[in-house]
Amino acid sequence: MARPYTRIFSTMTVDGRIASRTGYSRLSCHEDFDLQHRVRAWADLVVVGSSTALVDDPRLTVRRVPARTPLRGVVDSRLRVPPTARLYSIPGAVLITTADHSGDALLPYARKGARIVRAGRNRVDLVEAWRLLYDELGVRRVMVEGGGSLNYALLEAGLVDEVWITLAPYVFGAGRSVFEGPGFPGGSDTARLRVLGVTPLCGGSWISVRYEVLWPRRPLY
């Protein structure tokens, strides 16, 4: 199976939270925002999960660097994100959903110009969806901007090649984690990563750490 090269990008607190228990999630400094937009410009598709799309209503466009805006998508098994979301307001949206939905349910998204990728039943089959993104849409590079459930599901499925984490100088003590899921059992079955680089941001109070995923990781081809 051919699949896109996939990079997770997230900013988290020292204790691994991307949002507090109240949903507060403004963690980036200006250099982290610049880096985020450079990675968006690198990608063919920038994707988020449905919860992130509902809470943040992101545009996912490139604005802080002089570059084109890639395709922008949401993994949305239950069509929770309405077609009025900002994601669908400009051309280049991709709806990644299941095969359960009728043409009538998908029509409002198609009318907004969204490309629709259907994979799995009840919940999106991410392995099949990533294959379809590669084969049908020509997507070769994906940037994932969360949330924690999508991050974990992609990592568990072996679809993540790199994890770019910016460590913010805060502690929440509770809230949403950068990876949210049932968890790896530990030992030899723990997800393993290797550091590719470390860059101080904004005077050194923020730290960007870039990892390569060693396991689990499906072949690209």
N, C-alpha and C. Protein backbone atom coordinates (compact mmCIF):
# COMPACT_ATOMS: atom_id res chain seq x y z
N MET A 1 0.83 -1.20 0.00
CA MET A 1 0.00 0.00 0.00
C MET A 1 0.86 1.25 0.00
N ALA A 2 0.62 2.16 -0.93
CA ALA A 2 1.28 3.46 -0.89
C ALA A 2 0.46 4.40 -0.02
N ARG A 3 1.16 5.23 0.75
CA ARG A 3 0.48 6.17 1.63
C ARG A 3 1.29 7.45 1.70
N PRO A 4 0.66 8.56 2.12
CA PRO A 4 1.40 9.82 2.26
C PRO A 4 2.36 9.80 3.45
N TYR A 5 3.46 10.51 3.29
CA TYR A 5 4.36 10.78 4.41
C TYR A 5 3.63 11.71 5.37
N THR A 6 3.60 11.37 6.64
CA THR A 6 2.72 12.07 7.59
C THR A 6 3.50 12.62 8.77
N ARG A 7 3.24 13.88 9.05
CA ARG A 7 3.93 14.59 10.13
C ARG A 7 2.89 15.19 11.08
N ILE A 8 2.95 14.81 12.35
CA ILE A 8 2.12 15.44 13.39
C ILE A 8 2.82 16.69 13.88
N PHE A 9 2.06 17.78 14.00
CA PHE A 9 2.59 19.02 14.56
C PHE A 9 1.68 19.45 15.70
N SER A 10 2.26 19.67 16.88
CA SER A 10 1.45 20.06 18.03
C SER A 10 2.29 20.86 19.02
N THR A 11 1.62 21.70 19.78
CA THR A 11 2.25 22.46 20.86
C THR A 11 1.61 22.02 22.16
N MET A 12 2.45 21.67 23.16
CA MET A 12 1.91 21.12 24.40
C MET A 12 2.62 21.74 25.59
N THR A 13 1.99 21.59 26.74
CA THR A 13 2.59 22.03 28.00
C THR A 13 3.68 21.05 28.42
N VAL A 14 4.39 21.40 29.48
CA VAL A 14 5.42 20.52 30.02
C VAL A 14 4.85 19.16 30.42
N ASP A 15 3.57 19.14 30.85
CA ASP A 15 2.96 17.88 31.26
C ASP A 15 2.14 17.25 30.12
N GLY A 16 2.42 17.63 28.88
CA GLY A 16 1.86 16.93 27.74
C GLY A 16 0.43 17.28 27.37
N ARG A 17 -0.05 18.45 27.79
CA ARG A 17 -1.44 18.84 27.52
C ARG A 17 -1.51 19.82 26.34
N ILE A 18 -2.47 19.59 25.45
CA ILE A 18 -2.70 20.53 24.36
C ILE A 18 -3.88 21.46 24.66
N ALA A 19 -4.61 21.16 25.71
CA ALA A 19 -5.69 22.04 26.17
C ALA A 19 -5.92 21.78 27.65
N SER A 20 -6.33 22.81 28.37
CA SER A 20 -6.62 22.68 29.80
C SER A 20 -7.97 21.99 30.00
N ARG A 21 -8.33 21.75 31.26
CA ARG A 21 -9.62 21.10 31.55
C ARG A 21 -10.79 21.98 31.13
N THR A 22 -10.57 23.29 30.96
CA THR A 22 -11.63 24.19 30.49
C THR A 22 -11.60 24.40 28.98
N GLY A 23 -10.62 23.78 28.30
CA GLY A 23 -10.53 23.91 26.86
C GLY A 23 -9.56 24.98 26.38
N TYR A 24 -8.92 25.68 27.29
CA TYR A 24 -7.96 26.72 26.89
C TYR A 24 -6.76 26.07 26.20
N SER A 25 -6.37 26.61 25.03
CA SER A 25 -5.33 25.95 24.24
C SER A 25 -4.37 26.92 23.55
N ARG A 26 -4.31 28.16 23.97
CA ARG A 26 -3.41 29.12 23.35
C ARG A 26 -2.02 28.96 23.96
N LEU A 27 -1.21 28.14 23.33
CA LEU A 27 0.08 27.76 23.89
C LEU A 27 1.27 28.26 23.08
N SER A 28 1.06 28.67 21.84
CA SER A 28 2.18 28.99 20.95
C SER A 28 2.69 30.41 21.16
N CYS A 29 3.97 30.60 20.87
CA CYS A 29 4.56 31.93 20.74
C CYS A 29 4.68 32.24 19.25
N HIS A 30 5.10 33.46 18.90
CA HIS A 30 5.06 33.87 17.50
C HIS A 30 5.97 33.03 16.62
N GLU A 31 7.12 32.60 17.13
CA GLU A 31 8.01 31.77 16.31
C GLU A 31 7.43 30.37 16.11
N ASP A 32 6.69 29.89 17.08
CA ASP A 32 6.00 28.61 16.92
C ASP A 32 4.92 28.71 15.86
N PHE A 33 4.17 29.82 15.85
CA PHE A 33 3.18 30.04 14.80
C PHE A 33 3.85 30.08 13.42
N ASP A 34 4.99 30.76 13.32
CA ASP A 34 5.70 30.81 12.04
C ASP A 34 6.10 29.41 11.59
N LEU A 35 6.61 28.61 12.52
CA LEU A 35 7.00 27.24 12.20
C LEU A 35 5.79 26.42 11.76
N GLN A 36 4.69 26.57 12.45
CA GLN A 36 3.46 25.87 12.09
C GLN A 36 3.06 26.16 10.65
N HIS A 37 3.15 27.42 10.25
CA HIS A 37 2.74 27.78 8.89
C HIS A 37 3.75 27.32 7.85
N ARG A 38 5.03 27.23 8.22
CA ARG A 38 6.01 26.66 7.30
C ARG A 38 5.73 25.18 7.05
N VAL A 39 5.34 24.47 8.11
CA VAL A 39 5.02 23.05 7.94
C VAL A 39 3.73 22.90 7.12
N ARG A 40 2.76 23.78 7.33
CA ARG A 40 1.57 23.76 6.49
C ARG A 40 1.94 23.92 5.02
N ALA A 41 2.84 24.82 4.74
CA ALA A 41 3.26 25.07 3.36
C ALA A 41 3.97 23.85 2.77
N TRP A 42 4.63 23.06 3.61
CA TRP A 42 5.31 21.84 3.18
C TRP A 42 4.31 20.78 2.73
N ALA A 43 3.13 20.77 3.34
CA ALA A 43 2.17 19.67 3.17
C ALA A 43 1.34 19.82 1.90
N ASP A 44 0.84 18.68 1.42
CA ASP A 44 -0.20 18.67 0.38
C ASP A 44 -1.58 18.74 1.01
N LEU A 45 -1.69 18.28 2.26
CA LEU A 45 -2.96 18.27 2.98
C LEU A 45 -2.69 18.52 4.45
N VAL A 46 -3.44 19.44 5.05
CA VAL A 46 -3.42 19.67 6.49
C VAL A 46 -4.74 19.15 7.05
N VAL A 47 -4.68 18.29 8.07
CA VAL A 47 -5.90 17.64 8.54
C VAL A 47 -6.02 17.73 10.06
N VAL A 48 -7.27 17.81 10.52
CA VAL A 48 -7.59 17.80 11.94
C VAL A 48 -8.71 16.81 12.18
N GLY A 49 -8.92 16.48 13.46
CA GLY A 49 -10.07 15.66 13.83
C GLY A 49 -11.31 16.51 13.99
N SER A 50 -12.45 15.85 14.11
CA SER A 50 -13.72 16.59 14.17
C SER A 50 -13.84 17.43 15.45
N SER A 51 -13.33 16.93 16.57
CA SER A 51 -13.43 17.72 17.81
C SER A 51 -12.63 19.01 17.70
N THR A 52 -11.42 18.93 17.15
CA THR A 52 -10.62 20.14 16.96
C THR A 52 -11.31 21.10 16.02
N ALA A 53 -11.91 20.58 14.96
CA ALA A 53 -12.61 21.44 14.01
C ALA A 53 -13.80 22.14 14.67
N LEU A 54 -14.50 21.43 15.55
CA LEU A 54 -15.65 22.02 16.23
C LEU A 54 -15.25 23.07 17.25
N VAL A 55 -14.20 22.78 18.02
CA VAL A 55 -13.80 23.69 19.10
C VAL A 55 -13.09 24.92 18.54
N ASP A 56 -12.14 24.71 17.61
CA ASP A 56 -11.29 25.81 17.13
C ASP A 56 -11.81 26.46 15.86
N ASP A 57 -12.65 25.76 15.09
CA ASP A 57 -13.12 26.24 13.79
C ASP A 57 -11.96 26.81 12.97
N PRO A 58 -10.91 26.02 12.74
CA PRO A 58 -9.71 26.56 12.07
C PRO A 58 -9.91 26.71 10.56
N ARG A 59 -9.13 27.62 9.98
CA ARG A 59 -9.09 27.74 8.52
C ARG A 59 -8.04 26.82 7.92
N LEU A 60 -6.95 26.59 8.66
CA LEU A 60 -5.84 25.74 8.23
C LEU A 60 -5.13 26.27 6.99
N THR A 61 -5.21 27.57 6.77
CA THR A 61 -4.55 28.18 5.61
C THR A 61 -3.14 28.61 5.99
N VAL A 62 -2.33 28.88 4.97
CA VAL A 62 -0.98 29.40 5.17
C VAL A 62 -1.05 30.92 5.09
N ARG A 63 -0.66 31.59 6.18
CA ARG A 63 -0.78 33.04 6.22
C ARG A 63 0.51 33.73 6.66
N ARG A 64 1.35 33.06 7.41
CA ARG A 64 2.51 33.73 8.02
C ARG A 64 3.79 33.57 7.20
N VAL A 65 3.74 32.80 6.12
CA VAL A 65 4.88 32.67 5.22
C VAL A 65 4.36 32.81 3.79
N PRO A 66 5.21 33.26 2.86
CA PRO A 66 4.77 33.42 1.47
C PRO A 66 4.75 32.08 0.74
N ALA A 67 3.62 31.41 0.80
CA ALA A 67 3.52 30.09 0.19
C ALA A 67 2.06 29.79 -0.12
N ARG A 68 1.85 28.77 -0.92
CA ARG A 68 0.48 28.38 -1.27
C ARG A 68 -0.18 27.69 -0.08
N THR A 69 -1.50 27.71 -0.08
CA THR A 69 -2.27 26.98 0.92
C THR A 69 -2.59 25.59 0.38
N PRO A 70 -2.28 24.53 1.15
CA PRO A 70 -2.57 23.17 0.67
C PRO A 70 -4.05 22.82 0.82
N LEU A 71 -4.40 21.61 0.43
CA LEU A 71 -5.71 21.08 0.76
C LEU A 71 -5.86 21.06 2.28
N ARG A 72 -7.10 21.21 2.75
CA ARG A 72 -7.36 21.21 4.18
C ARG A 72 -8.48 20.22 4.46
N GLY A 73 -8.31 19.37 5.48
CA GLY A 73 -9.28 18.32 5.68
C GLY A 73 -9.63 18.07 7.13
N VAL A 74 -10.70 17.29 7.31
CA VAL A 74 -11.15 16.90 8.64
C VAL A 74 -11.54 15.42 8.59
N VAL A 75 -11.13 14.67 9.62
CA VAL A 75 -11.57 13.29 9.79
C VAL A 75 -12.84 13.34 10.63
N ASP A 76 -13.96 12.98 10.02
CA ASP A 76 -15.27 13.24 10.63
C ASP A 76 -16.20 12.08 10.35
N SER A 77 -16.13 11.05 11.18
CA SER A 77 -16.91 9.83 10.95
C SER A 77 -18.41 10.09 10.99
N ARG A 78 -18.85 10.98 11.87
CA ARG A 78 -20.28 11.18 12.11
C ARG A 78 -20.83 12.47 11.51
N LEU A 79 -20.05 13.13 10.67
CA LEU A 79 -20.46 14.41 10.07
C LEU A 79 -20.86 15.41 11.15
N ARG A 80 -20.03 15.51 12.18
CA ARG A 80 -20.29 16.45 13.27
C ARG A 80 -19.99 17.88 12.87
N VAL A 81 -19.03 18.06 11.98
CA VAL A 81 -18.61 19.41 11.59
C VAL A 81 -19.53 19.90 10.46
N PRO A 82 -20.26 20.98 10.66
CA PRO A 82 -21.22 21.43 9.65
C PRO A 82 -20.52 21.99 8.42
N PRO A 83 -21.19 21.99 7.28
CA PRO A 83 -20.60 22.56 6.06
C PRO A 83 -20.41 24.07 6.15
N THR A 84 -20.95 24.70 7.19
CA THR A 84 -20.75 26.13 7.40
C THR A 84 -19.43 26.44 8.10
N ALA A 85 -18.67 25.41 8.52
CA ALA A 85 -17.39 25.63 9.20
C ALA A 85 -16.43 26.37 8.28
N ARG A 86 -15.50 27.13 8.87
CA ARG A 86 -14.56 27.92 8.08
C ARG A 86 -13.70 27.05 7.18
N LEU A 87 -13.47 25.81 7.60
CA LEU A 87 -12.70 24.87 6.80
C LEU A 87 -13.26 24.72 5.39
N TYR A 88 -14.59 24.78 5.28
CA TYR A 88 -15.26 24.59 4.00
C TYR A 88 -15.56 25.91 3.27
N SER A 89 -15.08 27.02 3.82
CA SER A 89 -15.46 28.32 3.26
C SER A 89 -14.69 28.69 2.00
N ILE A 90 -13.54 28.06 1.77
CA ILE A 90 -12.77 28.31 0.56
C ILE A 90 -12.45 26.99 -0.10
N PRO A 91 -12.19 26.99 -1.41
CA PRO A 91 -11.93 25.72 -2.11
C PRO A 91 -10.72 25.00 -1.53
N GLY A 92 -10.74 23.67 -1.65
CA GLY A 92 -9.61 22.87 -1.20
C GLY A 92 -9.87 22.11 0.07
N ALA A 93 -11.15 21.92 0.43
CA ALA A 93 -11.49 21.15 1.63
C ALA A 93 -11.64 19.67 1.27
N VAL A 94 -11.27 18.82 2.22
CA VAL A 94 -11.41 17.37 2.06
C VAL A 94 -12.16 16.84 3.27
N LEU A 95 -13.25 16.14 3.04
CA LEU A 95 -14.00 15.48 4.11
C LEU A 95 -13.64 14.01 4.10
N ILE A 96 -13.02 13.55 5.19
CA ILE A 96 -12.67 12.14 5.33
C ILE A 96 -13.68 11.52 6.28
N THR A 97 -14.54 10.66 5.76
CA THR A 97 -15.64 10.13 6.55
C THR A 97 -15.82 8.65 6.24
N THR A 98 -16.91 8.06 6.73
CA THR A 98 -17.16 6.64 6.52
C THR A 98 -18.08 6.42 5.33
N ALA A 99 -18.28 5.15 4.99
CA ALA A 99 -19.17 4.79 3.88
C ALA A 99 -20.63 4.69 4.33
N ASP A 100 -20.91 5.03 5.58
CA ASP A 100 -22.27 4.88 6.11
C ASP A 100 -23.24 5.96 5.63
N HIS A 101 -22.71 7.09 5.19
CA HIS A 101 -23.57 8.25 4.95
C HIS A 101 -24.13 8.23 3.52
N SER A 102 -25.38 8.64 3.40
CA SER A 102 -26.04 8.69 2.10
C SER A 102 -25.56 9.87 1.29
N GLY A 103 -25.87 9.82 0.02
CA GLY A 103 -25.52 10.94 -0.84
C GLY A 103 -26.20 12.23 -0.41
N ASP A 104 -27.43 12.11 0.13
CA ASP A 104 -28.14 13.31 0.60
C ASP A 104 -27.40 13.96 1.76
N ALA A 105 -26.86 13.13 2.68
CA ALA A 105 -26.14 13.67 3.83
C ALA A 105 -24.86 14.37 3.41
N LEU A 106 -24.24 13.88 2.34
CA LEU A 106 -22.96 14.43 1.89
C LEU A 106 -23.12 15.59 0.91
N LEU A 107 -24.34 15.75 0.37
CA LEU A 107 -24.56 16.77 -0.65
C LEU A 107 -24.20 18.18 -0.19
N PRO A 108 -24.54 18.61 1.04
CA PRO A 108 -24.17 19.98 1.45
C PRO A 108 -22.66 20.22 1.42
N TYR A 109 -21.88 19.18 1.70
CA TYR A 109 -20.42 19.33 1.66
C TYR A 109 -19.94 19.39 0.22
N ALA A 110 -20.52 18.55 -0.63
CA ALA A 110 -20.15 18.57 -2.04
C ALA A 110 -20.50 19.92 -2.67
N ARG A 111 -21.62 20.50 -2.26
CA ARG A 111 -22.00 21.81 -2.80
C ARG A 111 -21.02 22.90 -2.39
N LYS A 112 -20.34 22.70 -1.27
CA LYS A 112 -19.32 23.66 -0.83
C LYS A 112 -17.99 23.42 -1.55
N GLY A 113 -17.96 22.41 -2.41
CA GLY A 113 -16.75 22.12 -3.15
C GLY A 113 -15.81 21.14 -2.49
N ALA A 114 -16.26 20.49 -1.41
CA ALA A 114 -15.39 19.56 -0.69
C ALA A 114 -15.19 18.28 -1.49
N ARG A 115 -13.97 17.76 -1.42
CA ARG A 115 -13.68 16.43 -1.94
C ARG A 115 -13.95 15.44 -0.82
N ILE A 116 -14.62 14.35 -1.14
CA ILE A 116 -15.07 13.42 -0.11
C ILE A 116 -14.35 12.09 -0.26
N VAL A 117 -13.72 11.66 0.83
CA VAL A 117 -13.03 10.38 0.89
C VAL A 117 -13.78 9.51 1.90
N ARG A 118 -14.27 8.34 1.46
CA ARG A 118 -15.08 7.48 2.31
C ARG A 118 -14.32 6.18 2.56
N ALA A 119 -14.12 5.87 3.84
CA ALA A 119 -13.35 4.67 4.19
C ALA A 119 -13.83 4.12 5.52
N GLY A 120 -14.22 2.86 5.53
CA GLY A 120 -14.64 2.21 6.76
C GLY A 120 -16.13 2.40 7.06
N ARG A 121 -16.57 1.71 8.10
CA ARG A 121 -17.94 1.84 8.58
C ARG A 121 -17.93 2.10 10.08
N ASN A 122 -18.87 2.92 10.52
CA ASN A 122 -18.99 3.34 11.93
C ASN A 122 -17.88 4.30 12.33
N ARG A 123 -16.63 4.00 11.97
CA ARG A 123 -15.54 4.93 12.19
C ARG A 123 -14.61 4.86 10.99
N VAL A 124 -13.89 5.94 10.75
CA VAL A 124 -13.02 6.00 9.58
C VAL A 124 -11.91 4.96 9.69
N ASP A 125 -11.73 4.18 8.63
CA ASP A 125 -10.59 3.28 8.51
C ASP A 125 -9.42 4.13 8.02
N LEU A 126 -8.54 4.52 8.93
CA LEU A 126 -7.48 5.46 8.59
C LEU A 126 -6.49 4.89 7.58
N VAL A 127 -6.21 3.60 7.68
CA VAL A 127 -5.29 2.98 6.73
C VAL A 127 -5.85 3.08 5.31
N GLU A 128 -7.12 2.74 5.15
CA GLU A 128 -7.75 2.84 3.84
C GLU A 128 -7.87 4.29 3.40
N ALA A 129 -8.21 5.18 4.32
CA ALA A 129 -8.33 6.60 3.97
C ALA A 129 -7.01 7.16 3.48
N TRP A 130 -5.92 6.81 4.16
CA TRP A 130 -4.60 7.32 3.74
C TRP A 130 -4.21 6.76 2.37
N ARG A 131 -4.63 5.52 2.08
CA ARG A 131 -4.38 4.96 0.75
C ARG A 131 -5.16 5.74 -0.31
N LEU A 132 -6.41 6.05 -0.01
CA LEU A 132 -7.24 6.78 -0.96
C LEU A 132 -6.72 8.20 -1.18
N LEU A 133 -6.25 8.84 -0.10
CA LEU A 133 -5.66 10.17 -0.25
C LEU A 133 -4.50 10.13 -1.23
N TYR A 134 -3.69 9.09 -1.13
CA TYR A 134 -2.53 8.94 -2.01
C TYR A 134 -2.96 8.63 -3.45
N ASP A 135 -3.84 7.63 -3.59
CA ASP A 135 -4.20 7.14 -4.93
C ASP A 135 -5.15 8.06 -5.67
N GLU A 136 -6.15 8.61 -4.96
CA GLU A 136 -7.21 9.35 -5.64
C GLU A 136 -7.01 10.86 -5.65
N LEU A 137 -6.36 11.40 -4.62
CA LEU A 137 -6.16 12.85 -4.55
C LEU A 137 -4.71 13.26 -4.80
N GLY A 138 -3.82 12.29 -4.93
CA GLY A 138 -2.43 12.61 -5.19
C GLY A 138 -1.70 13.25 -4.02
N VAL A 139 -2.20 12.99 -2.80
CA VAL A 139 -1.59 13.56 -1.59
C VAL A 139 -0.34 12.75 -1.24
N ARG A 140 0.78 13.43 -1.14
CA ARG A 140 2.04 12.77 -0.81
C ARG A 140 2.56 13.15 0.57
N ARG A 141 2.12 14.31 1.09
CA ARG A 141 2.61 14.77 2.40
C ARG A 141 1.43 15.32 3.19
N VAL A 142 1.24 14.78 4.40
CA VAL A 142 0.14 15.19 5.27
C VAL A 142 0.70 15.80 6.55
N MET A 143 0.14 16.92 6.94
CA MET A 143 0.40 17.53 8.25
C MET A 143 -0.85 17.34 9.11
N VAL A 144 -0.68 16.80 10.30
CA VAL A 144 -1.79 16.57 11.23
C VAL A 144 -1.68 17.56 12.38
N GLU A 145 -2.75 18.32 12.62
CA GLU A 145 -2.74 19.31 13.70
C GLU A 145 -3.70 18.92 14.83
N GLY A 146 -3.86 17.63 15.08
CA GLY A 146 -4.65 17.18 16.20
C GLY A 146 -6.11 16.97 15.86
N GLY A 147 -6.83 16.68 16.92
CA GLY A 147 -6.45 16.63 18.31
C GLY A 147 -5.82 15.33 18.75
N GLY A 148 -5.83 15.14 20.09
CA GLY A 148 -5.15 14.02 20.67
C GLY A 148 -5.66 12.66 20.22
N SER A 149 -6.96 12.53 20.00
CA SER A 149 -7.52 11.24 19.58
C SER A 149 -7.05 10.87 18.17
N LEU A 150 -7.07 11.84 17.26
CA LEU A 150 -6.59 11.57 15.91
C LEU A 150 -5.09 11.30 15.92
N ASN A 151 -4.34 12.08 16.69
CA ASN A 151 -2.90 11.84 16.79
C ASN A 151 -2.62 10.40 17.21
N TYR A 152 -3.30 9.95 18.26
CA TYR A 152 -3.07 8.60 18.77
C TYR A 152 -3.48 7.55 17.75
N ALA A 153 -4.65 7.72 17.15
CA ALA A 153 -5.16 6.72 16.20
C ALA A 153 -4.22 6.55 15.01
N LEU A 154 -3.69 7.66 14.51
CA LEU A 154 -2.75 7.57 13.39
C LEU A 154 -1.44 6.92 13.81
N LEU A 155 -0.95 7.28 14.99
CA LEU A 155 0.29 6.67 15.48
C LEU A 155 0.10 5.17 15.69
N GLU A 156 -1.00 4.78 16.31
CA GLU A 156 -1.27 3.37 16.56
C GLU A 156 -1.37 2.59 15.25
N ALA A 157 -1.92 3.21 14.21
CA ALA A 157 -2.09 2.55 12.92
C ALA A 157 -0.80 2.49 12.11
N GLY A 158 0.27 3.09 12.62
CA GLY A 158 1.53 3.07 11.90
C GLY A 158 1.60 4.02 10.74
N LEU A 159 0.80 5.08 10.78
CA LEU A 159 0.72 6.01 9.65
C LEU A 159 1.50 7.30 9.87
N VAL A 160 2.22 7.42 10.98
CA VAL A 160 2.94 8.65 11.31
C VAL A 160 4.44 8.42 11.10
N ASP A 161 5.07 9.34 10.39
CA ASP A 161 6.50 9.26 10.12
C ASP A 161 7.31 10.19 11.02
N GLU A 162 6.77 11.36 11.33
CA GLU A 162 7.46 12.32 12.19
C GLU A 162 6.46 12.94 13.16
N VAL A 163 6.96 13.30 14.34
CA VAL A 163 6.18 14.05 15.34
C VAL A 163 6.98 15.30 15.68
N TRP A 164 6.39 16.46 15.39
CA TRP A 164 7.00 17.74 15.73
C TRP A 164 6.24 18.33 16.92
N ILE A 165 6.92 18.42 18.04
CA ILE A 165 6.30 18.91 19.27
C ILE A 165 7.00 20.20 19.70
N THR A 166 6.21 21.22 19.97
CA THR A 166 6.75 22.41 20.62
C THR A 166 6.34 22.38 22.09
N LEU A 167 7.35 22.43 22.95
CA LEU A 167 7.12 22.38 24.39
C LEU A 167 6.97 23.81 24.91
N ALA A 168 5.78 24.12 25.42
CA ALA A 168 5.49 25.45 25.95
C ALA A 168 5.77 25.49 27.45
N PRO A 169 6.17 26.65 27.99
CA PRO A 169 6.57 26.73 29.40
C PRO A 169 5.38 26.87 30.35
N TYR A 170 4.45 25.91 30.26
CA TYR A 170 3.26 25.94 31.10
C TYR A 170 2.98 24.54 31.64
N VAL A 171 2.20 24.47 32.71
CA VAL A 171 1.70 23.21 33.26
C VAL A 171 0.20 23.37 33.51
N PHE A 172 -0.61 22.43 33.00
CA PHE A 172 -2.05 22.45 33.24
C PHE A 172 -2.47 21.46 34.33
N GLY A 173 -1.79 20.33 34.43
CA GLY A 173 -2.13 19.34 35.44
C GLY A 173 -3.31 18.47 35.09
N ALA A 174 -4.10 18.89 34.12
CA ALA A 174 -5.25 18.11 33.64
C ALA A 174 -5.61 18.67 32.27
N GLY A 175 -6.50 17.97 31.58
CA GLY A 175 -6.92 18.43 30.27
C GLY A 175 -6.63 17.42 29.19
N ARG A 176 -6.62 17.89 27.94
CA ARG A 176 -6.43 17.01 26.78
C ARG A 176 -4.95 16.76 26.55
N SER A 177 -4.61 15.48 26.33
CA SER A 177 -3.23 15.11 26.06
C SER A 177 -2.95 15.15 24.56
N VAL A 178 -1.69 15.27 24.23
CA VAL A 178 -1.29 15.33 22.83
C VAL A 178 -1.59 14.01 22.12
N PHE A 179 -1.57 12.90 22.87
CA PHE A 179 -1.99 11.60 22.36
C PHE A 179 -3.04 11.04 23.31
N GLU A 180 -4.26 10.85 22.80
CA GLU A 180 -5.37 10.35 23.62
C GLU A 180 -5.87 9.04 23.03
N GLY A 181 -5.75 7.95 23.78
CA GLY A 181 -6.22 6.67 23.28
C GLY A 181 -6.13 5.60 24.34
N PRO A 182 -6.40 4.35 23.96
CA PRO A 182 -6.37 3.26 24.94
C PRO A 182 -4.97 2.99 25.48
N GLY A 183 -3.94 3.40 24.77
CA GLY A 183 -2.59 3.28 25.29
C GLY A 183 -1.85 2.05 24.80
N PHE A 184 -0.55 2.19 24.63
CA PHE A 184 0.31 1.06 24.32
C PHE A 184 0.62 0.30 25.61
N PRO A 185 0.81 -1.02 25.54
CA PRO A 185 0.98 -1.80 26.77
C PRO A 185 2.31 -1.57 27.47
N GLY A 186 3.30 -1.06 26.77
CA GLY A 186 4.60 -0.83 27.40
C GLY A 186 5.63 -1.84 26.92
N GLY A 187 6.85 -1.69 27.43
CA GLY A 187 7.92 -2.58 27.03
C GLY A 187 8.23 -2.48 25.55
N SER A 188 8.39 -3.63 24.90
CA SER A 188 8.72 -3.64 23.48
C SER A 188 7.56 -3.19 22.61
N ASP A 189 6.35 -3.11 23.18
CA ASP A 189 5.18 -2.68 22.42
C ASP A 189 4.87 -1.19 22.59
N THR A 190 5.79 -0.44 23.17
CA THR A 190 5.62 1.00 23.30
C THR A 190 6.04 1.69 22.01
N ALA A 191 5.29 2.72 21.59
CA ALA A 191 5.71 3.50 20.42
C ALA A 191 7.09 4.09 20.69
N ARG A 192 7.96 3.99 19.69
CA ARG A 192 9.35 4.44 19.86
C ARG A 192 9.69 5.50 18.83
N LEU A 193 10.39 6.55 19.30
CA LEU A 193 10.74 7.68 18.45
C LEU A 193 12.23 7.99 18.60
N ARG A 194 12.77 8.71 17.63
CA ARG A 194 14.17 9.14 17.66
C ARG A 194 14.24 10.63 17.38
N VAL A 195 15.03 11.36 18.16
CA VAL A 195 15.13 12.81 17.99
C VAL A 195 15.87 13.13 16.71
N LEU A 196 15.26 14.01 15.91
CA LEU A 196 15.89 14.51 14.68
C LEU A 196 16.53 15.87 14.89
N GLY A 197 15.96 16.66 15.79
CA GLY A 197 16.51 17.99 16.02
C GLY A 197 15.77 18.71 17.13
N VAL A 198 16.46 19.67 17.73
CA VAL A 198 15.89 20.49 18.80
C VAL A 198 16.21 21.95 18.51
N THR A 199 15.18 22.82 18.56
CA THR A 199 15.36 24.23 18.25
C THR A 199 14.69 25.10 19.31
N PRO A 200 15.44 25.96 19.99
CA PRO A 200 14.80 26.92 20.92
C PRO A 200 13.99 27.95 20.13
N LEU A 201 12.86 28.35 20.69
CA LEU A 201 12.01 29.35 20.07
C LEU A 201 11.73 30.47 21.08
N CYS A 202 11.53 31.66 20.56
CA CYS A 202 11.10 32.80 21.38
C CYS A 202 11.98 32.98 22.62
N GLY A 203 13.29 33.09 22.38
CA GLY A 203 14.23 33.32 23.47
C GLY A 203 14.56 32.09 24.28
N GLY A 204 14.11 30.93 23.84
CA GLY A 204 14.43 29.68 24.53
C GLY A 204 13.38 29.20 25.49
N SER A 205 12.33 29.97 25.73
CA SER A 205 11.27 29.51 26.64
C SER A 205 10.41 28.42 26.01
N TRP A 206 10.29 28.43 24.69
CA TRP A 206 9.62 27.37 23.94
C TRP A 206 10.69 26.53 23.25
N ILE A 207 10.48 25.24 23.15
CA ILE A 207 11.44 24.34 22.55
C ILE A 207 10.73 23.48 21.51
N SER A 208 11.21 23.51 20.27
CA SER A 208 10.69 22.64 19.22
C SER A 208 11.55 21.38 19.16
N VAL A 209 10.91 20.22 19.31
CA VAL A 209 11.60 18.94 19.23
C VAL A 209 11.00 18.14 18.07
N ARG A 210 11.85 17.68 17.16
CA ARG A 210 11.39 16.94 15.99
C ARG A 210 11.82 15.48 16.14
N TYR A 211 10.85 14.59 16.03
CA TYR A 211 11.10 13.16 16.20
C TYR A 211 10.79 12.40 14.90
N GLU A 212 11.52 11.34 14.67
CA GLU A 212 11.17 10.33 13.68
C GLU A 212 10.52 9.16 14.41
N VAL A 213 9.43 8.64 13.87
CA VAL A 213 8.78 7.47 14.45
C VAL A 213 9.50 6.22 13.96
N LEU A 214 9.96 5.42 14.90
CA LEU A 214 10.63 4.16 14.57
C LEU A 214 9.64 3.00 14.53
N TRP A 215 8.70 2.99 15.48
CA TRP A 215 7.68 1.93 15.54
C TRP A 215 6.49 2.43 16.35
N PRO A 216 5.26 2.10 15.93
CA PRO A 216 4.86 1.38 14.73
C PRO A 216 4.89 2.30 13.50
N ARG A 217 5.26 1.77 12.37
CA ARG A 217 5.37 2.59 11.17
C ARG A 217 5.24 1.72 9.92
N ARG A 218 4.17 1.93 9.19
CA ARG A 218 3.96 1.19 7.95
C ARG A 218 4.87 1.70 6.84
N PRO A 219 5.26 0.82 5.93
CA PRO A 219 6.06 1.29 4.78
C PRO A 219 5.29 2.31 3.96
N LEU A 220 6.03 3.22 3.33
CA LEU A 220 5.39 4.23 2.48
C LEU A 220 4.90 3.62 1.17
N TYR A 221 5.55 2.55 0.72
CA TYR A 221 5.18 1.94 -0.57
C TYR A 221 5.10 0.42 -0.41
